[in-house]
PDB file of N, CA and C in Angstrom:
ATOM      1  N   MET A   1    -127.101 173.643 118.220  1.00  0.00           N
ATOM      2  CA  MET A   1    -127.628 174.973 117.959  1.00  0.00           C
ATOM      3  C   MET A   1    -126.523 175.856 117.394  1.00  0.00           C
ATOM      4  N   ASN A   2    -126.799 176.517 116.300  1.00  0.00           N
ATOM      5  CA  ASN A   2    -125.849 177.445 115.720  1.00  0.00           C
ATOM      6  C   ASN A   2    -125.778 178.709 116.559  1.00  0.00           C
ATOM      7  N   ALA A   3    -124.686 179.425 116.424  1.00  0.00           N
ATOM      8  CA  ALA A   3    -124.530 180.686 117.130  1.00  0.00           C
ATOM      9  C   ALA A   3    -125.412 181.742 116.487  1.00  0.00           C
ATOM     10  N   LYS A   4    -125.970 182.597 117.318  1.00  0.00           N
ATOM     11  CA  LYS A   4    -126.758 183.710 116.809  1.00  0.00           C
ATOM     12  C   LYS A   4    -126.741 184.832 117.831  1.00  0.00           C
ATOM     13  N   PHE A   5    -127.206 185.989 117.400  1.00  0.00           N
ATOM     14  CA  PHE A   5    -127.283 187.109 118.313  1.00  0.00           C
ATOM     15  C   PHE A   5    -128.580 187.860 118.130  1.00  0.00           C
ATOM     16  N   ASP A   6    -128.978 188.538 119.191  1.00  0.00           N
ATOM     17  CA  ASP A   6    -130.171 189.374 119.172  1.00  0.00           C
ATOM     18  C   ASP A   6    -129.761 190.749 119.682  1.00  0.00           C
ATOM     19  N   PHE A   7    -129.984 191.761 118.879  1.00  0.00           N
ATOM     20  CA  PHE A   7    -129.607 193.124 119.224  1.00  0.00           C
ATOM     21  C   PHE A   7    -130.809 194.029 118.998  1.00  0.00           C
ATOM     22  N   SER A   8    -131.919 193.662 119.620  1.00  0.00           N
ATOM     23  CA  SER A   8    -133.181 194.319 119.312  1.00  0.00           C
ATOM     24  C   SER A   8    -133.369 195.684 119.967  1.00  0.00           C
ATOM     25  N   ASP A   9    -132.799 195.907 121.141  1.00  0.00           N
ATOM     26  CA  ASP A   9    -133.102 197.175 121.814  1.00  0.00           C
ATOM     27  C   ASP A   9    -131.976 198.213 121.759  1.00  0.00           C
ATOM     28  N   GLY A  10    -130.868 197.907 121.110  1.00  0.00           N
ATOM     29  CA  GLY A  10    -129.816 198.896 120.920  1.00  0.00           C
ATOM     30  C   GLY A  10    -128.786 199.005 122.020  1.00  0.00           C
ATOM     31  N   SER A  11    -129.083 198.491 123.221  1.00  0.00           N
ATOM     32  CA  SER A  11    -128.097 198.568 124.299  1.00  0.00           C
ATOM     33  C   SER A  11    -127.765 197.200 124.890  1.00  0.00           C
ATOM     34  N   ASN A  12    -128.458 196.169 124.447  1.00  0.00           N
ATOM     35  CA  ASN A  12    -128.205 194.808 124.924  1.00  0.00           C
ATOM     36  C   ASN A  12    -128.060 193.865 123.737  1.00  0.00           C
ATOM     37  N   LEU A  13    -126.952 193.174 123.711  1.00  0.00           N
ATOM     38  CA  LEU A  13    -126.681 192.184 122.674  1.00  0.00           C
ATOM     39  C   LEU A  13    -126.640 190.833 123.367  1.00  0.00           C
ATOM     40  N   CYS A  14    -127.455 189.919 122.910  1.00  0.00           N
ATOM     41  CA  CYS A  14    -127.505 188.580 123.503  1.00  0.00           C
ATOM     42  C   CYS A  14    -126.934 187.572 122.510  1.00  0.00           C
ATOM     43  N   LEU A  15    -125.843 186.921 122.901  1.00  0.00           N
ATOM     44  CA  LEU A  15    -125.264 185.853 122.089  1.00  0.00           C
ATOM     45  C   LEU A  15    -125.799 184.524 122.596  1.00  0.00           C
ATOM     46  N   SER A  16    -126.034 183.601 121.684  1.00  0.00           N
ATOM     47  CA  SER A  16    -126.549 182.297 122.104  1.00  0.00           C
ATOM     48  C   SER A  16    -126.013 181.205 121.186  1.00  0.00           C
ATOM     49  N   GLY A  17    -126.102 179.988 121.678  1.00  0.00           N
ATOM     50  CA  GLY A  17    -125.679 178.839 120.893  1.00  0.00           C
ATOM     51  C   GLY A  17    -124.249 178.432 121.158  1.00  0.00           C
ATOM     52  N   ILE A  18    -123.611 177.922 120.130  1.00  0.00           N
ATOM     53  CA  ILE A  18    -122.259 177.383 120.221  1.00  0.00           C
ATOM     54  C   ILE A  18    -121.311 178.305 119.464  1.00  0.00           C
ATOM     55  N   LEU A  19    -120.383 178.916 120.200  1.00  0.00           N
ATOM     56  CA  LEU A  19    -119.424 179.845 119.609  1.00  0.00           C
ATOM     57  C   LEU A  19    -118.091 179.128 119.427  1.00  0.00           C
ATOM     58  N   THR A  20    -117.923 178.544 118.256  1.00  0.00           N
ATOM     59  CA  THR A  20    -116.696 177.797 117.966  1.00  0.00           C
ATOM     60  C   THR A  20    -116.146 178.228 116.619  1.00  0.00           C
ATOM     61  N   ARG A  21    -115.026 177.660 116.244  1.00  0.00           N
ATOM     62  CA  ARG A  21    -114.395 178.029 114.977  1.00  0.00           C
ATOM     63  C   ARG A  21    -115.301 177.770 113.783  1.00  0.00           C
ATOM     64  N   ASP A  22    -116.279 176.886 113.944  1.00  0.00           N
ATOM     65  CA  ASP A  22    -117.216 176.608 112.855  1.00  0.00           C
ATOM     66  C   ASP A  22    -118.283 177.693 112.707  1.00  0.00           C
ATOM     67  N   SER A  23    -118.681 178.284 113.816  1.00  0.00           N
ATOM     68  CA  SER A  23    -119.780 179.253 113.773  1.00  0.00           C
ATOM     69  C   SER A  23    -119.328 180.711 113.816  1.00  0.00           C
ATOM     70  N   VAL A  24    -118.137 180.964 114.310  1.00  0.00           N
ATOM     71  CA  VAL A  24    -117.680 182.339 114.505  1.00  0.00           C
ATOM     72  C   VAL A  24    -117.571 183.147 113.200  1.00  0.00           C
ATOM     73  N   PRO A  25    -117.019 182.616 112.108  1.00  0.00           N
ATOM     74  CA  PRO A  25    -116.871 183.463 110.912  1.00  0.00           C
ATOM     75  C   PRO A  25    -118.173 184.091 110.411  1.00  0.00           C
ATOM     76  N   SER A  26    -119.232 183.317 110.320  1.00  0.00           N
ATOM     77  CA  SER A  26    -120.498 183.880 109.830  1.00  0.00           C
ATOM     78  C   SER A  26    -121.115 184.825 110.864  1.00  0.00           C
ATOM     79  N   LEU A  27    -120.970 184.497 112.138  1.00  0.00           N
ATOM     80  CA  LEU A  27    -121.495 185.366 113.190  1.00  0.00           C
ATOM     81  C   LEU A  27    -120.736 186.691 113.208  1.00  0.00           C
ATOM     82  N   TRP A  28    -119.415 186.640 113.040  1.00  0.00           N
ATOM     83  CA  TRP A  28    -118.620 187.863 113.056  1.00  0.00           C
ATOM     84  C   TRP A  28    -119.014 188.803 111.918  1.00  0.00           C
ATOM     85  N   LYS A  29    -119.309 188.268 110.750  1.00  0.00           N
ATOM     86  CA  LYS A  29    -119.721 189.109 109.622  1.00  0.00           C
ATOM     87  C   LYS A  29    -120.968 189.918 109.981  1.00  0.00           C
ATOM     88  N   GLN A  30    -121.880 189.298 110.708  1.00  0.00           N
ATOM     89  CA  GLN A  30    -123.106 189.979 111.112  1.00  0.00           C
ATOM     90  C   GLN A  30    -122.811 191.026 112.185  1.00  0.00           C
ATOM     91  N   ILE A  31    -122.001 190.654 113.157  1.00  0.00           N
ATOM     92  CA  ILE A  31    -121.689 191.567 114.259  1.00  0.00           C
ATOM     93  C   ILE A  31    -120.860 192.750 113.766  1.00  0.00           C
ATOM     94  N   GLU A  32    -119.945 192.492 112.858  1.00  0.00           N
ATOM     95  CA  GLU A  32    -119.071 193.539 112.337  1.00  0.00           C
ATOM     96  C   GLU A  32    -119.873 194.652 111.642  1.00  0.00           C
ATOM     97  N   ALA A  33    -121.010 194.290 111.097  1.00  0.00           N
ATOM     98  CA  ALA A  33    -121.845 195.247 110.376  1.00  0.00           C
ATOM     99  C   ALA A  33    -122.736 196.098 111.300  1.00  0.00           C
ATOM    100  N   LEU A  34    -122.730 195.800 112.592  1.00  0.00           N
ATOM    101  CA  LEU A  34    -123.594 196.521 113.524  1.00  0.00           C
ATOM    102  C   LEU A  34    -123.184 197.971 113.694  1.00  0.00           C
ATOM    103  N   ASP A  35    -124.189 198.809 113.906  1.00  0.00           N
ATOM    104  CA  ASP A  35    -123.957 200.164 114.378  1.00  0.00           C
ATOM    105  C   ASP A  35    -124.041 200.093 115.897  1.00  0.00           C
ATOM    106  N   TYR A  36    -123.350 200.993 116.548  1.00  0.00           N
ATOM    107  CA  TYR A  36    -123.364 201.027 118.009  1.00  0.00           C
ATOM    108  C   TYR A  36    -124.064 202.305 118.441  1.00  0.00           C
ATOM    109  N   PRO A  37    -125.394 202.236 118.629  1.00  0.00           N
ATOM    110  CA  PRO A  37    -126.167 203.444 118.918  1.00  0.00           C
ATOM    111  C   PRO A  37    -125.944 204.006 120.323  1.00  0.00           C
ATOM    112  N   GLU A  38    -125.437 203.199 121.212  1.00  0.00           N
ATOM    113  CA  GLU A  38    -125.210 203.625 122.587  1.00  0.00           C
ATOM    114  C   GLU A  38    -123.716 203.695 122.859  1.00  0.00           C
ATOM    115  N   SER A  39    -123.342 204.408 123.922  1.00  0.00           N
ATOM    116  CA  SER A  39    -121.927 204.501 124.287  1.00  0.00           C
ATOM    117  C   SER A  39    -121.486 203.298 125.115  1.00  0.00           C
ATOM    118  N   SER A  40    -122.448 202.499 125.571  1.00  0.00           N
ATOM    119  CA  SER A  40    -122.146 201.289 126.331  1.00  0.00           C
ATOM    120  C   SER A  40    -123.167 200.219 125.965  1.00  0.00           C
ATOM    121  N   ILE A  41    -122.676 199.020 125.713  1.00  0.00           N
ATOM    122  CA  ILE A  41    -123.554 197.907 125.339  1.00  0.00           C
ATOM    123  C   ILE A  41    -123.234 196.706 126.221  1.00  0.00           C
ATOM    124  N   ASN A  42    -124.277 196.097 126.744  1.00  0.00           N
ATOM    125  CA  ASN A  42    -124.146 194.877 127.524  1.00  0.00           C
ATOM    126  C   ASN A  42    -124.248 193.682 126.574  1.00  0.00           C
ATOM    127  N   VAL A  43    -123.272 192.786 126.654  1.00  0.00           N
ATOM    128  CA  VAL A  43    -123.283 191.566 125.845  1.00  0.00           C
ATOM    129  C   VAL A  43    -123.517 190.393 126.794  1.00  0.00           C
ATOM    130  N   SER A  44    -124.690 189.807 126.703  1.00  0.00           N
ATOM    131  CA  SER A  44    -125.052 188.676 127.554  1.00  0.00           C
ATOM    132  C   SER A  44    -124.611 187.363 126.920  1.00  0.00           C
ATOM    133  N   LEU A  45    -123.908 186.573 127.716  1.00  0.00           N
ATOM    134  CA  LEU A  45    -123.472 185.243 127.274  1.00  0.00           C
ATOM    135  C   LEU A  45    -124.285 184.147 127.964  1.00  0.00           C
ATOM    136  N   LYS A  46    -125.397 184.531 128.546  1.00  0.00           N
ATOM    137  CA  LYS A  46    -126.226 183.599 129.320  1.00  0.00           C
ATOM    138  C   LYS A  46    -126.695 182.400 128.505  1.00  0.00           C
ATOM    139  N   GLU A  47    -126.983 182.618 127.224  1.00  0.00           N
ATOM    140  CA  GLU A  47    -127.519 181.554 126.376  1.00  0.00           C
ATOM    141  C   GLU A  47    -126.445 180.811 125.573  1.00  0.00           C
ATOM    142  N   VAL A  48    -125.173 181.111 125.836  1.00  0.00           N
ATOM    143  CA  VAL A  48    -124.083 180.424 125.129  1.00  0.00           C
ATOM    144  C   VAL A  48    -123.943 179.021 125.707  1.00  0.00           C
ATOM    145  N   GLU A  49    -124.026 178.030 124.851  1.00  0.00           N
ATOM    146  CA  GLU A  49    -123.933 176.638 125.282  1.00  0.00           C
ATOM    147  C   GLU A  49    -122.499 176.149 125.382  1.00  0.00           C
ATOM    148  N   ARG A  50    -121.660 176.620 124.453  1.00  0.00           N
ATOM    149  CA  ARG A  50    -120.253 176.214 124.434  1.00  0.00           C
ATOM    150  C   ARG A  50    -119.453 177.295 123.731  1.00  0.00           C
ATOM    151  N   ILE A  51    -118.221 177.472 124.168  1.00  0.00           N
ATOM    152  CA  ILE A  51    -117.353 178.469 123.545  1.00  0.00           C
ATOM    153  C   ILE A  51    -115.932 177.939 123.533  1.00  0.00           C
ATOM    154  N   ASP A  52    -115.235 178.143 122.419  1.00  0.00           N
ATOM    155  CA  ASP A  52    -113.839 177.722 122.334  1.00  0.00           C
ATOM    156  C   ASP A  52    -112.967 178.959 122.128  1.00  0.00           C
ATOM    157  N   SER A  53    -111.705 178.754 121.806  1.00  0.00           N
ATOM    158  CA  SER A  53    -110.777 179.875 121.667  1.00  0.00           C
ATOM    159  C   SER A  53    -111.186 180.814 120.531  1.00  0.00           C
ATOM    160  N   ALA A  54    -111.803 180.303 119.485  1.00  0.00           N
ATOM    161  CA  ALA A  54    -112.269 181.168 118.399  1.00  0.00           C
ATOM    162  C   ALA A  54    -113.372 182.105 118.898  1.00  0.00           C
ATOM    163  N   GLY A  55    -114.248 181.583 119.722  1.00  0.00           N
ATOM    164  CA  GLY A  55    -115.291 182.417 120.319  1.00  0.00           C
ATOM    165  C   GLY A  55    -114.705 183.475 121.232  1.00  0.00           C
ATOM    166  N   MET A  56    -113.675 183.102 121.987  1.00  0.00           N
ATOM    167  CA  MET A  56    -112.998 184.051 122.862  1.00  0.00           C
ATOM    168  C   MET A  56    -112.374 185.185 122.037  1.00  0.00           C
ATOM    169  N   VAL A  57    -111.690 184.820 120.970  1.00  0.00           N
ATOM    170  CA  VAL A  57    -111.047 185.820 120.117  1.00  0.00           C
ATOM    171  C   VAL A  57    -112.102 186.726 119.479  1.00  0.00           C
ATOM    172  N   MET A  58    -113.233 186.170 119.093  1.00  0.00           N
ATOM    173  CA  MET A  58    -114.304 186.981 118.527  1.00  0.00           C
ATOM    174  C   MET A  58    -114.769 188.029 119.533  1.00  0.00           C
ATOM    175  N   LEU A  59    -114.891 187.640 120.806  1.00  0.00           N
ATOM    176  CA  LEU A  59    -115.316 188.589 121.831  1.00  0.00           C
ATOM    177  C   LEU A  59    -114.278 189.695 122.019  1.00  0.00           C
ATOM    178  N   ILE A  60    -113.011 189.335 121.978  1.00  0.00           N
ATOM    179  CA  ILE A  60    -111.950 190.345 122.098  1.00  0.00           C
ATOM    180  C   ILE A  60    -112.011 191.303 120.911  1.00  0.00           C
ATOM    181  N   HIS A  61    -112.232 190.762 119.716  1.00  0.00           N
ATOM    182  CA  HIS A  61    -112.368 191.613 118.530  1.00  0.00           C
ATOM    183  C   HIS A  61    -113.611 192.494 118.632  1.00  0.00           C
ATOM    184  N   LEU A  62    -114.688 191.952 119.182  1.00  0.00           N
ATOM    185  CA  LEU A  62    -115.905 192.741 119.378  1.00  0.00           C
ATOM    186  C   LEU A  62    -115.620 193.928 120.294  1.00  0.00           C
ATOM    187  N   ILE A  63    -114.900 193.687 121.374  1.00  0.00           N
ATOM    188  CA  ILE A  63    -114.553 194.760 122.316  1.00  0.00           C
ATOM    189  C   ILE A  63    -113.733 195.841 121.612  1.00  0.00           C
ATOM    190  N   GLU A  64    -112.744 195.425 120.831  1.00  0.00           N
ATOM    191  CA  GLU A  64    -111.895 196.387 120.114  1.00  0.00           C
ATOM    192  C   GLU A  64    -112.672 197.109 119.002  1.00  0.00           C
ATOM    193  N   HIS A  65    -113.503 196.368 118.300  1.00  0.00           N
ATOM    194  CA  HIS A  65    -114.321 196.939 117.226  1.00  0.00           C
ATOM    195  C   HIS A  65    -115.237 198.023 117.791  1.00  0.00           C
ATOM    196  N   ALA A  66    -115.882 197.735 118.900  1.00  0.00           N
ATOM    197  CA  ALA A  66    -116.778 198.712 119.535  1.00  0.00           C
ATOM    198  C   ALA A  66    -115.979 199.898 120.074  1.00  0.00           C
ATOM    199  N   LYS A  67    -114.841 199.616 120.666  1.00  0.00           N
ATOM    200  CA  LYS A  67    -113.994 200.687 121.222  1.00  0.00           C
ATOM    201  C   LYS A  67    -113.600 201.684 120.134  1.00  0.00           C
ATOM    202  N   ASN A  68    -113.294 201.189 118.955  1.00  0.00           N
ATOM    203  CA  ASN A  68    -112.940 202.068 117.837  1.00  0.00           C
ATOM    204  C   ASN A  68    -114.110 202.937 117.394  1.00  0.00           C
ATOM    205  N   ARG A  69    -115.306 202.557 117.819  1.00  0.00           N
ATOM    206  CA  ARG A  69    -116.509 203.326 117.501  1.00  0.00           C
ATOM    207  C   ARG A  69    -117.061 204.030 118.741  1.00  0.00           C
ATOM    208  N   LYS A  70    -116.174 204.207 119.717  1.00  0.00           N
ATOM    209  CA  LYS A  70    -116.501 204.947 120.955  1.00  0.00           C
ATOM    210  C   LYS A  70    -117.611 204.286 121.767  1.00  0.00           C
ATOM    211  N   CYS A  71    -117.584 202.971 121.810  1.00  0.00           N
ATOM    212  CA  CYS A  71    -118.587 202.209 122.565  1.00  0.00           C
ATOM    213  C   CYS A  71    -117.877 201.236 123.499  1.00  0.00           C
ATOM    214  N   HIS A  72    -118.332 201.181 124.746  1.00  0.00           N
ATOM    215  CA  HIS A  72    -117.753 200.266 125.732  1.00  0.00           C
ATOM    216  C   HIS A  72    -118.624 199.012 125.835  1.00  0.00           C
ATOM    217  N   ILE A  73    -117.998 197.865 125.754  1.00  0.00           N
ATOM    218  CA  ILE A  73    -118.693 196.577 125.859  1.00  0.00           C
ATOM    219  C   ILE A  73    -118.521 196.008 127.259  1.00  0.00           C
ATOM    220  N   MET A  74    -119.627 195.586 127.855  1.00  0.00           N
ATOM    221  CA  MET A  74    -119.598 194.865 129.134  1.00  0.00           C
ATOM    222  C   MET A  74    -120.152 193.464 128.897  1.00  0.00           C
ATOM    223  N   LEU A  75    -119.383 192.463 129.295  1.00  0.00           N
ATOM    224  CA  LEU A  75    -119.813 191.071 129.170  1.00  0.00           C
ATOM    225  C   LEU A  75    -120.517 190.652 130.451  1.00  0.00           C
ATOM    226  N   SER A  76    -121.655 189.994 130.313  1.00  0.00           N
ATOM    227  CA  SER A  76    -122.363 189.466 131.483  1.00  0.00           C
ATOM    228  C   SER A  76    -122.603 187.969 131.306  1.00  0.00           C
ATOM    229  N   PHE A  77    -122.782 187.293 132.430  1.00  0.00           N
ATOM    230  CA  PHE A  77    -122.996 185.845 132.448  1.00  0.00           C
ATOM    231  C   PHE A  77    -121.851 185.108 131.735  1.00  0.00           C
ATOM    232  N   VAL A  78    -120.627 185.499 132.057  1.00  0.00           N
ATOM    233  CA  VAL A  78    -119.445 184.893 131.434  1.00  0.00           C
ATOM    234  C   VAL A  78    -119.282 183.471 131.972  1.00  0.00           C
ATOM    235  N   PRO A  79    -119.322 182.455 131.096  1.00  0.00           N
ATOM    236  CA  PRO A  79    -119.184 181.070 131.545  1.00  0.00           C
ATOM    237  C   PRO A  79    -117.792 180.806 132.145  1.00  0.00           C
ATOM    238  N   ASP A  80    -117.748 179.881 133.072  1.00  0.00           N
ATOM    239  CA  ASP A  80    -116.482 179.524 133.711  1.00  0.00           C
ATOM    240  C   ASP A  80    -115.444 179.053 132.697  1.00  0.00           C
ATOM    241  N   GLU A  81    -115.886 178.317 131.673  1.00  0.00           N
ATOM    242  CA  GLU A  81    -114.935 177.837 130.663  1.00  0.00           C
ATOM    243  C   GLU A  81    -114.294 178.998 129.915  1.00  0.00           C
ATOM    244  N   LEU A  82    -115.031 180.084 129.712  1.00  0.00           N
ATOM    245  CA  LEU A  82    -114.471 181.253 129.046  1.00  0.00           C
ATOM    246  C   LEU A  82    -113.501 181.987 129.975  1.00  0.00           C
ATOM    247  N   LYS A  83    -113.842 182.073 131.246  1.00  0.00           N
ATOM    248  CA  LYS A  83    -112.920 182.686 132.209  1.00  0.00           C
ATOM    249  C   LYS A  83    -111.602 181.924 132.239  1.00  0.00           C
ATOM    250  N   MET A  84    -111.694 180.605 132.152  1.00  0.00           N
ATOM    251  CA  MET A  84    -110.491 179.776 132.131  1.00  0.00           C
ATOM    252  C   MET A  84    -109.684 180.026 130.852  1.00  0.00           C
ATOM    253  N   LEU A  85    -110.365 180.154 129.716  1.00  0.00           N
ATOM    254  CA  LEU A  85    -109.677 180.470 128.462  1.00  0.00           C
ATOM    255  C   LEU A  85    -108.962 181.814 128.549  1.00  0.00           C
ATOM    256  N   PHE A  86    -109.599 182.807 129.172  1.00  0.00           N
ATOM    257  CA  PHE A  86    -108.958 184.109 129.354  1.00  0.00           C
ATOM    258  C   PHE A  86    -107.665 183.957 130.154  1.00  0.00           C
ATOM    259  N   GLN A  87    -107.725 183.157 131.215  1.00  0.00           N
ATOM    260  CA  GLN A  87    -106.548 182.942 132.055  1.00  0.00           C
ATOM    261  C   GLN A  87    -105.451 182.212 131.290  1.00  0.00           C
ATOM    262  N   LEU A  88    -105.811 181.123 130.646  1.00  0.00           N
ATOM    263  CA  LEU A  88    -104.823 180.321 129.925  1.00  0.00           C
ATOM    264  C   LEU A  88    -104.205 181.084 128.753  1.00  0.00           C
ATOM    265  N   SER A  89    -104.966 181.985 128.169  1.00  0.00           N
ATOM    266  CA  SER A  89    -104.482 182.761 127.025  1.00  0.00           C
ATOM    267  C   SER A  89    -103.767 184.039 127.458  1.00  0.00           C
ATOM    268  N   ASN A  90    -103.753 184.270 128.757  1.00  0.00           N
ATOM    269  CA  ASN A  90    -103.055 185.433 129.321  1.00  0.00           C
ATOM    270  C   ASN A  90    -103.603 186.752 128.778  1.00  0.00           C
ATOM    271  N   VAL A  91    -104.933 186.842 128.657  1.00  0.00           N
ATOM    272  CA  VAL A  91    -105.564 188.062 128.166  1.00  0.00           C
ATOM    273  C   VAL A  91    -106.477 188.703 129.213  1.00  0.00           C
ATOM    274  N   GLU A  92    -106.311 188.295 130.450  1.00  0.00           N
ATOM    275  CA  GLU A  92    -107.160 188.835 131.506  1.00  0.00           C
ATOM    276  C   GLU A  92    -107.065 190.357 131.599  1.00  0.00           C
ATOM    277  N   SER A  93    -105.862 190.906 131.378  1.00  0.00           N
ATOM    278  CA  SER A  93    -105.687 192.360 131.474  1.00  0.00           C
ATOM    279  C   SER A  93    -106.472 193.084 130.380  1.00  0.00           C
ATOM    280  N   VAL A  94    -106.661 192.450 129.235  1.00  0.00           N
ATOM    281  CA  VAL A  94    -107.428 193.045 128.140  1.00  0.00           C
ATOM    282  C   VAL A  94    -108.916 193.026 128.455  1.00  0.00           C
ATOM    283  N   ILE A  95    -109.337 192.007 129.166  1.00  0.00           N
ATOM    284  CA  ILE A  95    -110.759 191.748 129.412  1.00  0.00           C
ATOM    285  C   ILE A  95    -111.275 192.329 130.730  1.00  0.00           C
ATOM    286  N   GLU A  96    -110.396 192.550 131.701  1.00  0.00           N
ATOM    287  CA  GLU A  96    -110.829 192.863 133.063  1.00  0.00           C
ATOM    288  C   GLU A  96    -111.794 194.050 133.186  1.00  0.00           C
ATOM    289  N   LYS A  97    -111.697 195.037 132.328  1.00  0.00           N
ATOM    290  CA  LYS A  97    -112.594 196.192 132.394  1.00  0.00           C
ATOM    291  C   LYS A  97    -113.916 195.936 131.675  1.00  0.00           C
ATOM    292  N   HIS A  98    -114.084 194.716 131.178  1.00  0.00           N
ATOM    293  CA  HIS A  98    -115.283 194.398 130.393  1.00  0.00           C
ATOM    294  C   HIS A  98    -116.121 193.286 131.013  1.00  0.00           C
ATOM    295  N   ILE A  99    -115.752 192.872 132.212  1.00  0.00           N
ATOM    296  CA  ILE A  99    -116.514 191.807 132.885  1.00  0.00           C
ATOM    297  C   ILE A  99    -117.126 192.388 134.160  1.00  0.00           C
TER     298      ILE A  99
END
């Protein structure tokens, strides 16, 4: 399954599929073009099947991209493999306010 997102209601973004170096570039182009109508957006990772370091970096960029537009991102249903990537990459301090 390719990576995709659903941002239908303006305050909840649902990512799904496989977030890897193969799928992240095209997905990021779509996400980068989003407007942030709310001051806080929940990003659900419940439907993510697999995520690698490229997917992790995309999420960090999403957090920074939204922050620059005065929007706070909260990640929900964070997979254990992603939590481990955060630890191994030593970026927990960047992410801790978003989980």
